[in-house]
N, C-alpha and C. Protein backbone atom coordinates (compact mmCIF):
# COMPACT_ATOMS: atom_id res chain seq x y z
N MET A 1 84.92 -50.87 -52.89
CA MET A 1 85.14 -49.82 -53.86
C MET A 1 83.85 -49.02 -54.02
N ASN A 2 83.97 -47.74 -53.88
CA ASN A 2 82.87 -46.82 -54.09
C ASN A 2 83.50 -45.52 -54.56
N LYS A 3 83.31 -45.19 -55.81
CA LYS A 3 84.05 -44.09 -56.39
C LYS A 3 83.12 -43.24 -57.26
N ASN A 4 83.27 -41.94 -57.21
CA ASN A 4 82.61 -41.09 -58.18
C ASN A 4 83.58 -39.98 -58.56
N PHE A 5 83.45 -39.53 -59.81
CA PHE A 5 84.33 -38.47 -60.29
C PHE A 5 83.65 -37.67 -61.39
N GLN A 6 84.14 -36.46 -61.56
CA GLN A 6 83.63 -35.53 -62.56
C GLN A 6 84.31 -35.77 -63.90
N THR A 7 83.57 -35.58 -64.97
CA THR A 7 84.12 -35.53 -66.32
C THR A 7 83.73 -34.16 -66.88
N HIS A 8 84.16 -33.86 -68.08
CA HIS A 8 83.76 -32.58 -68.67
C HIS A 8 82.29 -32.56 -69.07
N LYS A 9 81.61 -33.72 -69.04
CA LYS A 9 80.19 -33.78 -69.39
C LYS A 9 79.27 -34.05 -68.20
N GLY A 10 79.83 -34.53 -67.09
CA GLY A 10 78.96 -34.88 -65.97
C GLY A 10 79.68 -35.61 -64.86
N GLU A 11 78.99 -36.59 -64.26
CA GLU A 11 79.54 -37.35 -63.13
C GLU A 11 79.40 -38.85 -63.38
N ILE A 12 80.45 -39.58 -63.00
CA ILE A 12 80.45 -41.04 -63.10
C ILE A 12 80.51 -41.62 -61.70
N TYR A 13 79.65 -42.60 -61.44
CA TYR A 13 79.61 -43.32 -60.17
C TYR A 13 79.94 -44.78 -60.44
N ILE A 14 80.85 -45.34 -59.65
CA ILE A 14 81.24 -46.76 -59.78
C ILE A 14 81.17 -47.37 -58.39
N TRP A 15 80.61 -48.57 -58.28
CA TRP A 15 80.60 -49.26 -57.00
C TRP A 15 80.52 -50.77 -57.24
N LYS A 16 80.75 -51.46 -56.15
CA LYS A 16 80.76 -52.92 -56.18
C LYS A 16 79.78 -53.42 -55.13
N ASN A 17 79.04 -54.47 -55.47
CA ASN A 17 78.16 -55.11 -54.50
C ASN A 17 78.31 -56.62 -54.66
N ASP A 18 79.04 -57.24 -53.76
CA ASP A 18 79.30 -58.68 -53.85
C ASP A 18 78.07 -59.52 -53.58
N SER A 19 77.00 -58.94 -53.08
CA SER A 19 75.75 -59.68 -52.88
C SER A 19 75.23 -60.23 -54.21
N PHE A 20 75.55 -59.53 -55.29
CA PHE A 20 75.10 -59.97 -56.61
C PHE A 20 75.55 -61.40 -56.89
N LEU A 21 76.74 -61.75 -56.46
CA LEU A 21 77.30 -63.07 -56.76
C LEU A 21 76.53 -64.20 -56.08
N GLU A 22 75.74 -63.85 -55.06
CA GLU A 22 74.98 -64.85 -54.33
C GLU A 22 73.54 -65.00 -54.85
N ILE A 23 73.13 -64.12 -55.72
CA ILE A 23 71.76 -64.12 -56.24
C ILE A 23 71.63 -65.19 -57.34
N GLU A 24 70.54 -65.94 -57.32
CA GLU A 24 70.35 -66.94 -58.37
C GLU A 24 70.08 -66.22 -59.71
N LYS A 25 70.48 -66.85 -60.80
CA LYS A 25 70.49 -66.23 -62.12
C LYS A 25 69.17 -65.57 -62.51
N LYS A 26 68.06 -66.22 -62.27
CA LYS A 26 66.78 -65.67 -62.73
C LYS A 26 66.36 -64.40 -61.98
N LYS A 27 66.99 -64.11 -60.84
CA LYS A 27 66.65 -62.92 -60.06
C LYS A 27 67.66 -61.79 -60.24
N ARG A 28 68.72 -62.03 -61.03
CA ARG A 28 69.79 -61.04 -61.17
C ARG A 28 69.35 -59.76 -61.86
N ARG A 29 68.54 -59.86 -62.89
CA ARG A 29 68.11 -58.66 -63.63
C ARG A 29 67.37 -57.70 -62.69
N SER A 30 66.50 -58.24 -61.88
CA SER A 30 65.76 -57.43 -60.92
C SER A 30 66.71 -56.80 -59.90
N PHE A 31 67.68 -57.57 -59.43
CA PHE A 31 68.66 -57.07 -58.47
C PHE A 31 69.46 -55.92 -59.08
N GLU A 32 69.87 -56.07 -60.35
CA GLU A 32 70.65 -55.02 -61.03
C GLU A 32 69.89 -53.71 -61.07
N LYS A 33 68.62 -53.76 -61.45
CA LYS A 33 67.79 -52.55 -61.52
C LYS A 33 67.65 -51.92 -60.13
N GLN A 34 67.39 -52.74 -59.12
CA GLN A 34 67.23 -52.23 -57.76
C GLN A 34 68.52 -51.61 -57.24
N GLU A 35 69.64 -52.21 -57.58
CA GLU A 35 70.94 -51.72 -57.12
C GLU A 35 71.22 -50.32 -57.68
N VAL A 36 70.94 -50.11 -58.95
CA VAL A 36 71.15 -48.81 -59.57
C VAL A 36 70.19 -47.78 -58.98
N GLU A 37 68.93 -48.15 -58.83
CA GLU A 37 67.94 -47.23 -58.23
C GLU A 37 68.36 -46.85 -56.80
N LYS A 38 68.82 -47.83 -56.03
CA LYS A 38 69.24 -47.57 -54.64
C LYS A 38 70.39 -46.56 -54.60
N LYS A 39 71.38 -46.75 -55.45
CA LYS A 39 72.53 -45.84 -55.49
C LYS A 39 72.10 -44.45 -55.93
N LEU A 40 71.25 -44.37 -56.92
CA LEU A 40 70.75 -43.07 -57.39
C LEU A 40 70.02 -42.36 -56.26
N GLN A 41 69.20 -43.09 -55.50
CA GLN A 41 68.45 -42.50 -54.38
C GLN A 41 69.37 -41.99 -53.28
N GLU A 42 70.48 -42.70 -53.04
CA GLU A 42 71.43 -42.26 -52.01
C GLU A 42 71.98 -40.87 -52.31
N ASP A 43 72.30 -40.63 -53.57
CA ASP A 43 72.93 -39.37 -53.95
C ASP A 43 71.96 -38.33 -54.48
N PHE A 44 70.82 -38.77 -55.01
CA PHE A 44 69.82 -37.86 -55.58
C PHE A 44 68.44 -38.35 -55.15
N PRO A 45 68.03 -38.07 -53.91
CA PRO A 45 66.80 -38.66 -53.34
C PRO A 45 65.51 -38.45 -54.14
N LYS A 46 65.40 -37.36 -54.88
CA LYS A 46 64.16 -37.12 -55.62
C LYS A 46 64.17 -37.70 -57.03
N SER A 47 65.31 -38.18 -57.47
CA SER A 47 65.45 -38.69 -58.84
C SER A 47 64.99 -40.13 -58.96
N PHE A 48 64.59 -40.48 -60.18
CA PHE A 48 64.23 -41.87 -60.46
C PHE A 48 64.44 -42.14 -61.94
N ILE A 49 64.40 -43.41 -62.30
CA ILE A 49 64.64 -43.83 -63.67
C ILE A 49 63.38 -44.46 -64.24
N THR A 50 63.04 -44.07 -65.46
CA THR A 50 62.01 -44.76 -66.23
C THR A 50 62.73 -45.35 -67.45
N HIS A 51 61.99 -46.06 -68.27
CA HIS A 51 62.61 -46.67 -69.45
C HIS A 51 61.75 -46.45 -70.69
N LEU A 52 62.42 -46.24 -71.82
CA LEU A 52 61.73 -46.17 -73.10
C LEU A 52 61.30 -47.59 -73.48
N GLU A 53 60.52 -47.70 -74.54
CA GLU A 53 60.03 -49.02 -74.98
C GLU A 53 61.17 -49.99 -75.26
N ASN A 54 62.29 -49.48 -75.78
CA ASN A 54 63.41 -50.36 -76.11
C ASN A 54 64.33 -50.63 -74.91
N GLY A 55 63.92 -50.18 -73.71
CA GLY A 55 64.67 -50.45 -72.50
C GLY A 55 65.68 -49.38 -72.12
N VAL A 56 65.83 -48.35 -72.93
CA VAL A 56 66.79 -47.29 -72.65
C VAL A 56 66.36 -46.52 -71.39
N PRO A 57 67.29 -46.34 -70.43
CA PRO A 57 66.93 -45.63 -69.20
C PRO A 57 66.80 -44.12 -69.43
N VAL A 58 65.83 -43.52 -68.73
CA VAL A 58 65.59 -42.08 -68.80
C VAL A 58 65.59 -41.55 -67.37
N LEU A 59 66.36 -40.52 -67.12
CA LEU A 59 66.49 -39.94 -65.79
C LEU A 59 65.40 -38.88 -65.58
N LYS A 60 64.74 -38.93 -64.44
CA LYS A 60 63.68 -37.97 -64.10
C LYS A 60 64.01 -37.28 -62.78
N ASN A 61 63.53 -36.04 -62.63
CA ASN A 61 63.69 -35.23 -61.41
C ASN A 61 65.16 -35.06 -61.00
N ASN A 62 65.98 -34.64 -61.95
CA ASN A 62 67.39 -34.43 -61.68
C ASN A 62 67.86 -33.26 -62.52
N THR A 63 68.84 -32.51 -62.02
CA THR A 63 69.38 -31.42 -62.83
C THR A 63 70.06 -31.97 -64.08
N TYR A 64 70.65 -33.16 -63.95
CA TYR A 64 71.17 -33.84 -65.13
C TYR A 64 69.98 -34.41 -65.89
N LYS A 65 70.07 -34.41 -67.20
CA LYS A 65 68.95 -34.89 -68.01
C LYS A 65 69.19 -36.29 -68.59
N CYS A 66 70.44 -36.72 -68.62
CA CYS A 66 70.77 -37.99 -69.27
C CYS A 66 71.48 -38.94 -68.31
N ILE A 67 71.25 -40.24 -68.53
CA ILE A 67 71.92 -41.26 -67.73
C ILE A 67 72.29 -42.43 -68.65
N SER A 68 73.45 -43.00 -68.40
CA SER A 68 73.85 -44.24 -69.04
C SER A 68 74.26 -45.18 -67.90
N ILE A 69 73.88 -46.45 -68.03
CA ILE A 69 74.09 -47.42 -66.96
C ILE A 69 74.84 -48.63 -67.52
N SER A 70 75.74 -49.17 -66.71
CA SER A 70 76.40 -50.41 -67.08
C SER A 70 76.67 -51.21 -65.82
N HIS A 71 76.67 -52.54 -65.97
CA HIS A 71 77.03 -53.40 -64.86
C HIS A 71 77.60 -54.68 -65.44
N TYR A 72 78.46 -55.28 -64.68
CA TYR A 72 79.00 -56.58 -65.06
C TYR A 72 79.25 -57.35 -63.77
N LYS A 73 78.47 -58.39 -63.60
CA LYS A 73 78.51 -59.19 -62.38
C LYS A 73 78.33 -58.27 -61.17
N ASN A 74 79.34 -58.14 -60.30
CA ASN A 74 79.17 -57.36 -59.06
C ASN A 74 79.64 -55.90 -59.19
N LEU A 75 79.97 -55.45 -60.40
CA LEU A 75 80.39 -54.06 -60.63
C LEU A 75 79.25 -53.28 -61.27
N PHE A 76 79.05 -52.06 -60.80
CA PHE A 76 77.96 -51.21 -61.28
C PHE A 76 78.50 -49.82 -61.55
N THR A 77 77.94 -49.16 -62.56
CA THR A 77 78.31 -47.77 -62.84
C THR A 77 77.16 -47.06 -63.53
N PHE A 78 77.08 -45.76 -63.31
CA PHE A 78 76.22 -44.93 -64.15
C PHE A 78 76.89 -43.59 -64.36
N TYR A 79 76.50 -42.96 -65.47
CA TYR A 79 77.07 -41.70 -65.92
C TYR A 79 75.92 -40.73 -66.06
N LEU A 80 75.94 -39.64 -65.29
CA LEU A 80 74.92 -38.61 -65.34
C LEU A 80 75.47 -37.42 -66.10
N SER A 81 74.64 -36.84 -66.99
CA SER A 81 75.12 -35.74 -67.81
C SER A 81 73.98 -34.87 -68.30
N TYR A 82 74.35 -33.69 -68.79
CA TYR A 82 73.39 -32.80 -69.44
C TYR A 82 73.24 -33.18 -70.91
N PHE A 83 74.15 -34.02 -71.41
CA PHE A 83 74.21 -34.42 -72.82
C PHE A 83 74.07 -35.93 -72.93
N PRO A 84 73.67 -36.43 -74.09
CA PRO A 84 73.66 -37.89 -74.27
C PRO A 84 75.06 -38.47 -74.06
N VAL A 85 75.16 -39.51 -73.26
CA VAL A 85 76.43 -40.14 -72.93
C VAL A 85 76.27 -41.65 -72.96
N GLY A 86 77.39 -42.34 -72.96
CA GLY A 86 77.38 -43.79 -72.88
C GLY A 86 78.52 -44.26 -72.01
N ILE A 87 78.32 -45.37 -71.31
CA ILE A 87 79.34 -45.91 -70.43
C ILE A 87 79.29 -47.44 -70.48
N ASP A 88 80.45 -48.07 -70.32
CA ASP A 88 80.48 -49.52 -70.25
C ASP A 88 81.58 -49.95 -69.29
N ILE A 89 81.26 -50.93 -68.46
CA ILE A 89 82.23 -51.51 -67.54
C ILE A 89 82.35 -52.99 -67.87
N GLN A 90 83.57 -53.49 -67.91
CA GLN A 90 83.83 -54.89 -68.22
C GLN A 90 84.92 -55.44 -67.34
N LYS A 91 84.68 -56.61 -66.79
CA LYS A 91 85.75 -57.35 -66.14
C LYS A 91 86.53 -58.06 -67.24
N PHE A 92 87.80 -58.29 -67.01
CA PHE A 92 88.60 -59.00 -67.99
C PHE A 92 88.18 -60.46 -68.03
N LYS A 93 87.99 -60.97 -69.24
CA LYS A 93 87.61 -62.37 -69.40
C LYS A 93 88.28 -62.91 -70.67
N LYS A 94 88.81 -64.09 -70.56
CA LYS A 94 89.54 -64.72 -71.66
C LYS A 94 88.62 -65.04 -72.85
N LYS A 95 87.37 -65.36 -72.59
CA LYS A 95 86.44 -65.77 -73.63
C LYS A 95 86.18 -64.69 -74.68
N LEU A 96 86.48 -63.44 -74.39
CA LEU A 96 86.17 -62.36 -75.32
C LEU A 96 86.89 -62.56 -76.66
N SER A 97 88.10 -63.07 -76.63
CA SER A 97 88.84 -63.25 -77.89
C SER A 97 88.17 -64.28 -78.80
N LYS A 98 87.51 -65.27 -78.22
CA LYS A 98 86.82 -66.29 -79.03
C LYS A 98 85.65 -65.70 -79.81
N GLY A 99 85.04 -64.63 -79.29
CA GLY A 99 83.91 -64.02 -79.97
C GLY A 99 84.25 -62.71 -80.65
N SER A 100 85.53 -62.42 -80.83
CA SER A 100 85.92 -61.12 -81.38
C SER A 100 85.39 -60.90 -82.80
N TYR A 101 85.17 -61.96 -83.56
CA TYR A 101 84.63 -61.83 -84.92
C TYR A 101 83.23 -61.18 -84.89
N PHE A 102 82.56 -61.28 -83.76
CA PHE A 102 81.22 -60.73 -83.60
C PHE A 102 81.22 -59.19 -83.56
N PHE A 103 82.31 -58.58 -83.07
CA PHE A 103 82.28 -57.12 -82.88
C PHE A 103 83.46 -56.36 -83.50
N THR A 104 84.49 -57.03 -83.98
CA THR A 104 85.60 -56.32 -84.62
C THR A 104 85.44 -56.36 -86.14
N ASN A 105 85.93 -55.31 -86.81
CA ASN A 105 85.81 -55.27 -88.26
C ASN A 105 87.19 -55.29 -88.92
N ALA A 106 87.21 -55.35 -90.24
CA ALA A 106 88.46 -55.50 -91.00
C ALA A 106 89.40 -54.31 -90.78
N LYS A 107 88.86 -53.11 -90.69
CA LYS A 107 89.71 -51.93 -90.49
C LYS A 107 90.41 -52.01 -89.13
N GLU A 108 89.69 -52.43 -88.11
CA GLU A 108 90.29 -52.57 -86.78
C GLU A 108 91.37 -53.65 -86.78
N ALA A 109 91.15 -54.71 -87.54
CA ALA A 109 92.14 -55.78 -87.63
C ALA A 109 93.45 -55.27 -88.24
N LYS A 110 93.36 -54.29 -89.13
CA LYS A 110 94.56 -53.69 -89.73
C LYS A 110 95.24 -52.72 -88.77
N LEU A 111 94.45 -52.05 -87.94
CA LEU A 111 94.98 -51.01 -87.05
C LEU A 111 95.57 -51.54 -85.74
N PHE A 112 95.03 -52.65 -85.23
CA PHE A 112 95.39 -53.11 -83.89
C PHE A 112 95.78 -54.58 -83.87
N SER A 113 96.67 -54.89 -82.94
CA SER A 113 96.83 -56.30 -82.60
C SER A 113 95.70 -56.59 -81.60
N PHE A 114 95.07 -57.70 -81.73
CA PHE A 114 93.94 -58.00 -80.89
C PHE A 114 94.39 -58.62 -79.57
N THR A 115 95.05 -57.81 -78.76
CA THR A 115 95.44 -58.23 -77.43
C THR A 115 94.20 -58.27 -76.55
N GLU A 116 94.33 -58.88 -75.39
CA GLU A 116 93.20 -58.94 -74.46
C GLU A 116 92.71 -57.53 -74.12
N LEU A 117 93.62 -56.62 -73.84
CA LEU A 117 93.23 -55.25 -73.50
C LEU A 117 92.56 -54.57 -74.68
N ASN A 118 93.13 -54.64 -75.86
CA ASN A 118 92.53 -53.98 -77.02
C ASN A 118 91.14 -54.52 -77.32
N LEU A 119 90.96 -55.83 -77.22
CA LEU A 119 89.63 -56.39 -77.47
C LEU A 119 88.61 -55.89 -76.45
N HIS A 120 89.00 -55.82 -75.20
CA HIS A 120 88.08 -55.31 -74.17
C HIS A 120 87.74 -53.84 -74.43
N LEU A 121 88.75 -53.07 -74.82
CA LEU A 121 88.50 -51.65 -75.11
C LEU A 121 87.60 -51.50 -76.34
N ILE A 122 87.86 -52.24 -77.40
CA ILE A 122 87.04 -52.15 -78.61
C ILE A 122 85.59 -52.51 -78.29
N TRP A 123 85.39 -53.60 -77.57
CA TRP A 123 84.04 -54.01 -77.18
C TRP A 123 83.35 -52.90 -76.37
N SER A 124 84.04 -52.38 -75.37
CA SER A 124 83.44 -51.37 -74.50
C SER A 124 83.18 -50.06 -75.21
N VAL A 125 84.04 -49.69 -76.15
CA VAL A 125 83.81 -48.48 -76.95
C VAL A 125 82.49 -48.62 -77.71
N LYS A 126 82.31 -49.75 -78.33
CA LYS A 126 81.10 -49.96 -79.12
C LYS A 126 79.86 -50.00 -78.24
N GLU A 127 79.97 -50.60 -77.08
CA GLU A 127 78.85 -50.60 -76.13
C GLU A 127 78.51 -49.18 -75.67
N ALA A 128 79.53 -48.40 -75.33
CA ALA A 128 79.31 -47.03 -74.85
C ALA A 128 78.66 -46.16 -75.93
N ILE A 129 79.14 -46.26 -77.16
CA ILE A 129 78.55 -45.48 -78.25
C ILE A 129 77.12 -45.95 -78.52
N TYR A 130 76.90 -47.24 -78.49
CA TYR A 130 75.55 -47.79 -78.65
C TYR A 130 74.59 -47.18 -77.62
N LYS A 131 75.05 -47.08 -76.38
CA LYS A 131 74.21 -46.51 -75.32
C LYS A 131 74.01 -45.01 -75.52
N LYS A 132 75.05 -44.32 -75.95
CA LYS A 132 74.92 -42.87 -76.20
C LYS A 132 73.82 -42.59 -77.21
N TYR A 133 73.72 -43.44 -78.22
CA TYR A 133 72.72 -43.25 -79.27
C TYR A 133 71.44 -44.05 -79.00
N LYS A 134 71.24 -44.41 -77.75
CA LYS A 134 70.00 -45.04 -77.27
C LYS A 134 69.61 -46.31 -78.04
N GLY A 135 70.63 -47.09 -78.42
CA GLY A 135 70.36 -48.37 -79.06
C GLY A 135 69.94 -48.28 -80.51
N LYS A 136 70.09 -47.11 -81.13
CA LYS A 136 69.64 -46.93 -82.51
C LYS A 136 70.77 -47.23 -83.51
N ILE A 137 71.51 -48.28 -83.23
CA ILE A 137 72.59 -48.74 -84.12
C ILE A 137 72.28 -50.20 -84.43
N LYS A 138 72.12 -50.51 -85.69
CA LYS A 138 71.72 -51.86 -86.07
C LYS A 138 72.87 -52.86 -86.02
N ASP A 139 74.07 -52.44 -86.44
CA ASP A 139 75.20 -53.36 -86.53
C ASP A 139 76.46 -52.65 -86.08
N PHE A 140 76.73 -52.68 -84.77
CA PHE A 140 77.87 -51.89 -84.30
C PHE A 140 79.21 -52.43 -84.74
N LYS A 141 79.27 -53.66 -85.22
CA LYS A 141 80.51 -54.19 -85.78
C LYS A 141 80.92 -53.37 -87.01
N ARG A 142 79.97 -53.10 -87.87
CA ARG A 142 80.25 -52.37 -89.11
C ARG A 142 80.09 -50.86 -88.97
N GLU A 143 79.16 -50.42 -88.15
CA GLU A 143 78.85 -48.99 -88.08
C GLU A 143 79.80 -48.20 -87.19
N ILE A 144 80.46 -48.86 -86.24
CA ILE A 144 81.40 -48.19 -85.34
C ILE A 144 82.78 -48.79 -85.57
N THR A 145 83.77 -47.93 -85.81
CA THR A 145 85.14 -48.39 -86.00
C THR A 145 86.05 -47.66 -85.03
N VAL A 146 86.78 -48.41 -84.22
CA VAL A 146 87.77 -47.82 -83.33
C VAL A 146 88.99 -47.48 -84.19
N LEU A 147 89.42 -46.24 -84.11
CA LEU A 147 90.52 -45.76 -84.95
C LEU A 147 91.83 -45.62 -84.20
N GLU A 148 91.73 -45.30 -82.92
CA GLU A 148 92.95 -45.02 -82.15
C GLU A 148 92.72 -45.34 -80.68
N ILE A 149 93.69 -46.01 -80.09
CA ILE A 149 93.69 -46.28 -78.65
C ILE A 149 95.02 -45.77 -78.11
N ASP A 150 94.95 -44.77 -77.25
CA ASP A 150 96.17 -44.21 -76.66
C ASP A 150 96.24 -44.64 -75.19
N LEU A 151 97.08 -45.59 -74.91
CA LEU A 151 97.18 -46.14 -73.56
C LEU A 151 97.79 -45.15 -72.57
N LYS A 152 98.59 -44.20 -73.06
CA LYS A 152 99.20 -43.21 -72.16
C LYS A 152 98.20 -42.16 -71.70
N THR A 153 97.44 -41.60 -72.64
CA THR A 153 96.48 -40.55 -72.28
C THR A 153 95.13 -41.11 -71.87
N LYS A 154 94.92 -42.43 -72.08
CA LYS A 154 93.66 -43.10 -71.78
C LYS A 154 92.51 -42.51 -72.60
N LYS A 155 92.82 -42.24 -73.87
CA LYS A 155 91.83 -41.69 -74.80
C LYS A 155 91.70 -42.61 -76.00
N ILE A 156 90.50 -42.65 -76.56
CA ILE A 156 90.19 -43.49 -77.70
C ILE A 156 89.40 -42.66 -78.71
N LYS A 157 89.67 -42.90 -79.99
CA LYS A 157 88.88 -42.27 -81.04
C LYS A 157 88.19 -43.37 -81.84
N ALA A 158 86.93 -43.13 -82.13
CA ALA A 158 86.14 -44.07 -82.92
C ALA A 158 85.33 -43.28 -83.92
N GLU A 159 84.96 -43.93 -85.00
CA GLU A 159 84.15 -43.29 -86.02
C GLU A 159 82.76 -43.92 -86.02
N PHE A 160 81.76 -43.06 -86.05
CA PHE A 160 80.37 -43.49 -86.16
C PHE A 160 79.63 -42.47 -87.01
N GLN A 161 78.97 -42.91 -88.05
CA GLN A 161 78.22 -42.05 -88.97
C GLN A 161 79.09 -40.89 -89.47
N ASN A 162 80.31 -41.20 -89.89
CA ASN A 162 81.26 -40.23 -90.44
C ASN A 162 81.64 -39.13 -89.45
N GLN A 163 81.47 -39.38 -88.18
CA GLN A 163 81.87 -38.44 -87.14
C GLN A 163 82.83 -39.13 -86.19
N ILE A 164 83.74 -38.36 -85.63
CA ILE A 164 84.69 -38.90 -84.67
C ILE A 164 84.12 -38.75 -83.26
N GLU A 165 84.06 -39.86 -82.55
CA GLU A 165 83.65 -39.87 -81.15
C GLU A 165 84.92 -40.01 -80.32
N GLU A 166 85.07 -39.16 -79.32
CA GLU A 166 86.23 -39.23 -78.43
C GLU A 166 85.79 -39.80 -77.10
N LEU A 167 86.47 -40.87 -76.70
CA LEU A 167 86.13 -41.58 -75.47
C LEU A 167 87.33 -41.57 -74.54
N GLU A 168 87.05 -41.87 -73.27
CA GLU A 168 88.10 -41.99 -72.27
C GLU A 168 87.91 -43.33 -71.56
N PHE A 169 88.97 -43.76 -70.88
CA PHE A 169 88.85 -45.03 -70.16
C PHE A 169 89.75 -45.06 -68.93
N ILE A 170 89.40 -45.98 -68.05
CA ILE A 170 90.19 -46.31 -66.87
C ILE A 170 90.43 -47.81 -66.94
N LYS A 171 91.65 -48.21 -66.66
CA LYS A 171 92.00 -49.63 -66.60
C LYS A 171 92.51 -49.94 -65.21
N THR A 172 91.94 -50.95 -64.58
CA THR A 172 92.44 -51.45 -63.30
C THR A 172 92.82 -52.92 -63.51
N ALA A 173 93.31 -53.55 -62.50
CA ALA A 173 93.64 -54.98 -62.61
C ALA A 173 92.37 -55.81 -62.80
N GLU A 174 91.23 -55.31 -62.33
CA GLU A 174 89.99 -56.07 -62.34
C GLU A 174 89.07 -55.75 -63.54
N PHE A 175 89.06 -54.49 -63.99
CA PHE A 175 88.09 -54.09 -65.00
C PHE A 175 88.60 -52.93 -65.84
N ILE A 176 87.84 -52.66 -66.91
CA ILE A 176 88.01 -51.42 -67.65
C ILE A 176 86.67 -50.71 -67.64
N LEU A 177 86.74 -49.38 -67.68
CA LEU A 177 85.58 -48.52 -67.73
C LEU A 177 85.80 -47.57 -68.91
N VAL A 178 84.85 -47.53 -69.83
CA VAL A 178 84.95 -46.67 -71.01
C VAL A 178 83.73 -45.76 -71.05
N TRP A 179 83.93 -44.48 -71.37
CA TRP A 179 82.80 -43.57 -71.47
C TRP A 179 82.98 -42.60 -72.61
N VAL A 180 81.83 -42.14 -73.11
CA VAL A 180 81.78 -41.16 -74.21
C VAL A 180 80.78 -40.09 -73.86
C-alpha cells in the first residue's frame, strides 16, 4: 500500500513498511523517524523536518508550511498543508474499549454507543486535534468532545474551545485514518 491524495487543505501520504515489525522495540522510535524522513525525501528532496522542544514536527524547505505525522506499527502517514493540521492512523484493536474511560467523556457517552468503530474514531479525532494544536491541550478527554459521526459522508464534528472542528476519515478493514 502506497497512497497519497489531495484534501482541501493539502496532501496526505499513507504507506506501509513491514520491516517495522522485525525491528526490536528499543530501536522502533528511531526507525519511525527515519521512515518518515525517507518518504518525505522521496517526494520533496529539499525538505526536512525539525522538532520543537515538545517534540512537535516542523516542516522546512517546502511550499507547504505545516506537517502532521502519525504511525501505528507498520502503517505511516503524514499530512502536508499551508494551515495547521492534524492526522491520526489507528489499526483496529480490541483493547481500546478497556481504556475508553481514559479518553471519552460523559457527553460522548450520551451521544454514541461505544462500538469498536466509534471508539477508534473518537480516539483518533482527539489525537488529530491534539496534533493540530501542537500538543497545547492539557486534557483532551474533557477539552475535546466528539459531537457527530456521519458514517455515510465520512465526516465528524467535534468541539474544542467552543469552536466546531470538522474532520474527515477513511475506514478500511485494517485501519482508520482521521484528519482535521
